[in-house]
Amino acid sequence: MQKWEYASFFWGGSSELTIRSLEFSHPNIKTAKAIGPEQFWDAIRGLGEDGWEMVAVVDPPELPWQRYFFKRPMAA
């Protein structure tokens, strides 16, 4: 059975609180990585180049942030 690992890319906030980070489900990958304000597409492209597939986006209309979820097959 295929096993998966997951990543979450959190982007958003307001002028008082800005959050941009990558988080990963497995300890063999850095658990969190800060992302600069101009690095949105670099982060998305980097995940794709590393084999991550976007599977969902949470974009609450009343909140100033989005969260992108990715998965990729775990190496055997």
N, C-alpha and C. Protein backbone atom coordinates (compact mmCIF):
# COMPACT_ATOMS: atom_id res chain seq x y z
N MET A 1 0.84 -1.17 0.00
CA MET A 1 0.00 0.00 0.00
C MET A 1 0.89 1.24 0.00
N GLN A 2 0.53 2.21 -0.83
CA GLN A 2 1.30 3.45 -0.92
C GLN A 2 1.19 4.25 0.38
N LYS A 3 2.31 4.76 0.85
CA LYS A 3 2.33 5.66 2.00
C LYS A 3 2.70 7.05 1.51
N TRP A 4 2.19 8.06 2.22
CA TRP A 4 2.36 9.44 1.81
C TRP A 4 3.01 10.27 2.91
N GLU A 5 3.67 11.34 2.48
CA GLU A 5 4.10 12.37 3.41
C GLU A 5 3.44 13.67 2.97
N TYR A 6 3.30 14.60 3.90
CA TYR A 6 2.50 15.79 3.65
C TYR A 6 3.27 17.06 3.98
N ALA A 7 2.90 18.13 3.29
CA ALA A 7 3.48 19.44 3.56
C ALA A 7 2.34 20.45 3.60
N SER A 8 2.53 21.48 4.40
CA SER A 8 1.56 22.56 4.51
C SER A 8 2.31 23.88 4.30
N PHE A 9 1.81 24.70 3.39
CA PHE A 9 2.40 25.99 3.10
C PHE A 9 1.41 27.04 3.55
N PHE A 10 1.76 27.80 4.57
CA PHE A 10 0.89 28.79 5.17
C PHE A 10 1.34 30.16 4.70
N TRP A 11 0.42 30.93 4.13
CA TRP A 11 0.78 32.23 3.56
C TRP A 11 -0.29 33.25 3.94
N GLY A 12 0.11 34.31 4.60
CA GLY A 12 -0.86 35.37 4.85
C GLY A 12 -0.62 36.11 6.13
N GLY A 13 -1.67 36.75 6.57
CA GLY A 13 -1.62 37.57 7.76
C GLY A 13 -2.00 38.99 7.44
N SER A 14 -1.83 39.83 8.42
CA SER A 14 -2.11 41.25 8.24
C SER A 14 -0.81 42.01 8.52
N SER A 15 -0.88 43.32 8.47
CA SER A 15 0.33 44.11 8.72
C SER A 15 0.85 43.89 10.13
N GLU A 16 -0.02 43.53 11.06
CA GLU A 16 0.41 43.28 12.44
C GLU A 16 1.02 41.89 12.61
N LEU A 17 0.53 40.94 11.83
CA LEU A 17 0.98 39.56 11.97
C LEU A 17 1.06 38.93 10.58
N THR A 18 2.27 38.68 10.13
CA THR A 18 2.46 38.04 8.84
C THR A 18 3.07 36.67 9.06
N ILE A 19 2.46 35.67 8.46
CA ILE A 19 2.94 34.30 8.62
C ILE A 19 3.20 33.73 7.24
N ARG A 20 4.41 33.25 7.04
CA ARG A 20 4.78 32.56 5.81
C ARG A 20 5.68 31.41 6.21
N SER A 21 5.19 30.19 6.08
CA SER A 21 6.02 29.07 6.51
C SER A 21 5.66 27.78 5.78
N LEU A 22 6.63 26.88 5.74
CA LEU A 22 6.43 25.52 5.25
C LEU A 22 6.57 24.59 6.43
N GLU A 23 5.66 23.64 6.54
CA GLU A 23 5.73 22.63 7.60
C GLU A 23 5.58 21.26 6.95
N PHE A 24 6.27 20.27 7.51
CA PHE A 24 6.28 18.94 6.93
C PHE A 24 5.85 17.90 7.96
N SER A 25 5.25 16.80 7.48
CA SER A 25 4.69 15.79 8.38
C SER A 25 5.72 14.79 8.90
N HIS A 26 6.86 14.68 8.27
CA HIS A 26 7.82 13.66 8.66
C HIS A 26 9.14 14.27 9.10
N PRO A 27 9.77 13.69 10.10
CA PRO A 27 10.98 14.28 10.69
C PRO A 27 12.21 14.25 9.80
N ASN A 28 12.19 13.49 8.69
CA ASN A 28 13.35 13.48 7.82
C ASN A 28 13.47 14.75 6.99
N ILE A 29 12.48 15.62 7.10
CA ILE A 29 12.46 16.91 6.40
C ILE A 29 12.42 17.99 7.48
N LYS A 30 12.99 19.16 7.21
CA LYS A 30 12.90 20.25 8.18
C LYS A 30 11.44 20.43 8.57
N THR A 31 11.17 20.62 9.85
CA THR A 31 9.79 20.71 10.31
C THR A 31 9.16 22.06 10.01
N ALA A 32 9.96 23.09 9.83
CA ALA A 32 9.41 24.40 9.49
C ALA A 32 10.48 25.19 8.77
N LYS A 33 10.05 26.02 7.84
CA LYS A 33 10.99 26.82 7.06
C LYS A 33 10.35 28.18 6.83
N ALA A 34 11.03 29.24 7.20
CA ALA A 34 10.50 30.59 6.99
C ALA A 34 10.61 30.96 5.51
N ILE A 35 9.63 31.71 5.01
CA ILE A 35 9.58 32.13 3.62
C ILE A 35 9.51 33.65 3.59
N GLY A 36 10.34 34.27 2.79
CA GLY A 36 10.33 35.73 2.66
C GLY A 36 9.12 36.23 1.89
N PRO A 37 8.81 37.52 1.99
CA PRO A 37 7.59 38.07 1.37
C PRO A 37 7.55 37.98 -0.15
N GLU A 38 8.69 37.92 -0.82
CA GLU A 38 8.71 37.84 -2.27
C GLU A 38 8.93 36.41 -2.77
N GLN A 39 8.88 35.43 -1.90
CA GLN A 39 9.24 34.07 -2.26
C GLN A 39 8.05 33.12 -2.45
N PHE A 40 6.85 33.64 -2.63
CA PHE A 40 5.67 32.79 -2.77
C PHE A 40 5.85 31.78 -3.91
N TRP A 41 6.10 32.27 -5.13
CA TRP A 41 6.20 31.38 -6.27
C TRP A 41 7.44 30.51 -6.21
N ASP A 42 8.51 31.01 -5.63
CA ASP A 42 9.71 30.19 -5.46
C ASP A 42 9.41 28.99 -4.57
N ALA A 43 8.64 29.22 -3.51
CA ALA A 43 8.28 28.14 -2.58
C ALA A 43 7.37 27.12 -3.26
N ILE A 44 6.35 27.59 -3.98
CA ILE A 44 5.43 26.69 -4.68
C ILE A 44 6.18 25.88 -5.74
N ARG A 45 7.00 26.55 -6.52
CA ARG A 45 7.77 25.88 -7.58
C ARG A 45 8.74 24.86 -6.97
N GLY A 46 9.39 25.23 -5.88
CA GLY A 46 10.32 24.31 -5.22
C GLY A 46 9.64 23.04 -4.73
N LEU A 47 8.44 23.18 -4.18
CA LEU A 47 7.70 21.99 -3.75
C LEU A 47 7.41 21.08 -4.95
N GLY A 48 6.95 21.67 -6.05
CA GLY A 48 6.67 20.88 -7.24
C GLY A 48 7.91 20.18 -7.77
N GLU A 49 9.02 20.89 -7.79
CA GLU A 49 10.27 20.29 -8.27
C GLU A 49 10.75 19.16 -7.38
N ASP A 50 10.36 19.20 -6.11
CA ASP A 50 10.73 18.14 -5.17
C ASP A 50 9.71 17.01 -5.13
N GLY A 51 8.73 17.03 -6.05
CA GLY A 51 7.79 15.93 -6.15
C GLY A 51 6.50 16.10 -5.37
N TRP A 52 6.26 17.28 -4.78
CA TRP A 52 5.04 17.51 -4.03
C TRP A 52 3.91 17.90 -4.97
N GLU A 53 2.72 17.36 -4.71
CA GLU A 53 1.52 17.66 -5.49
C GLU A 53 0.52 18.41 -4.60
N MET A 54 0.02 19.56 -5.08
CA MET A 54 -0.97 20.30 -4.30
C MET A 54 -2.28 19.53 -4.32
N VAL A 55 -2.88 19.34 -3.14
CA VAL A 55 -4.12 18.58 -3.05
C VAL A 55 -5.28 19.39 -2.50
N ALA A 56 -5.00 20.51 -1.85
CA ALA A 56 -6.09 21.32 -1.30
C ALA A 56 -5.59 22.71 -0.96
N VAL A 57 -6.53 23.68 -0.96
CA VAL A 57 -6.24 25.04 -0.53
C VAL A 57 -7.37 25.46 0.40
N VAL A 58 -7.01 26.00 1.54
CA VAL A 58 -7.99 26.57 2.46
C VAL A 58 -7.82 28.08 2.39
N ASP A 59 -8.90 28.79 2.04
CA ASP A 59 -8.86 30.24 1.86
C ASP A 59 -10.11 30.85 2.50
N PRO A 60 -10.11 30.95 3.83
CA PRO A 60 -11.30 31.46 4.51
C PRO A 60 -11.59 32.91 4.10
N PRO A 61 -12.81 33.22 3.66
CA PRO A 61 -13.11 34.57 3.18
C PRO A 61 -12.98 35.65 4.26
N GLU A 62 -13.15 35.27 5.52
CA GLU A 62 -13.10 36.27 6.59
C GLU A 62 -11.70 36.43 7.20
N LEU A 63 -10.73 35.66 6.72
CA LEU A 63 -9.38 35.71 7.29
C LEU A 63 -8.35 36.04 6.21
N PRO A 64 -7.28 36.76 6.59
CA PRO A 64 -6.28 37.20 5.59
C PRO A 64 -5.16 36.20 5.33
N TRP A 65 -5.47 34.93 5.22
CA TRP A 65 -4.43 33.93 4.96
C TRP A 65 -4.98 32.78 4.13
N GLN A 66 -4.04 32.03 3.55
CA GLN A 66 -4.36 30.81 2.82
C GLN A 66 -3.42 29.72 3.31
N ARG A 67 -3.90 28.50 3.26
CA ARG A 67 -3.05 27.36 3.59
C ARG A 67 -3.16 26.36 2.44
N TYR A 68 -2.01 25.97 1.92
CA TYR A 68 -1.92 25.06 0.78
C TYR A 68 -1.41 23.72 1.30
N PHE A 69 -2.06 22.64 0.90
CA PHE A 69 -1.66 21.31 1.35
C PHE A 69 -1.12 20.51 0.16
N PHE A 70 -0.03 19.78 0.42
CA PHE A 70 0.66 19.00 -0.60
C PHE A 70 0.88 17.58 -0.08
N LYS A 71 1.05 16.65 -1.03
CA LYS A 71 1.45 15.28 -0.65
C LYS A 71 2.41 14.76 -1.69
N ARG A 72 3.18 13.74 -1.30
CA ARG A 72 4.02 13.02 -2.24
C ARG A 72 4.24 11.62 -1.68
N PRO A 73 4.48 10.66 -2.56
CA PRO A 73 4.71 9.29 -2.10
C PRO A 73 5.98 9.22 -1.25
N MET A 74 5.93 8.43 -0.21
CA MET A 74 7.12 8.22 0.61
C MET A 74 8.05 7.25 -0.12
N ALA A 75 9.32 7.50 0.00
CA ALA A 75 10.31 6.59 -0.60
C ALA A 75 10.27 5.26 0.13
N ALA A 76 10.43 4.20 -0.61
CA ALA A 76 10.39 2.86 -0.01
C ALA A 76 11.64 2.56 0.79
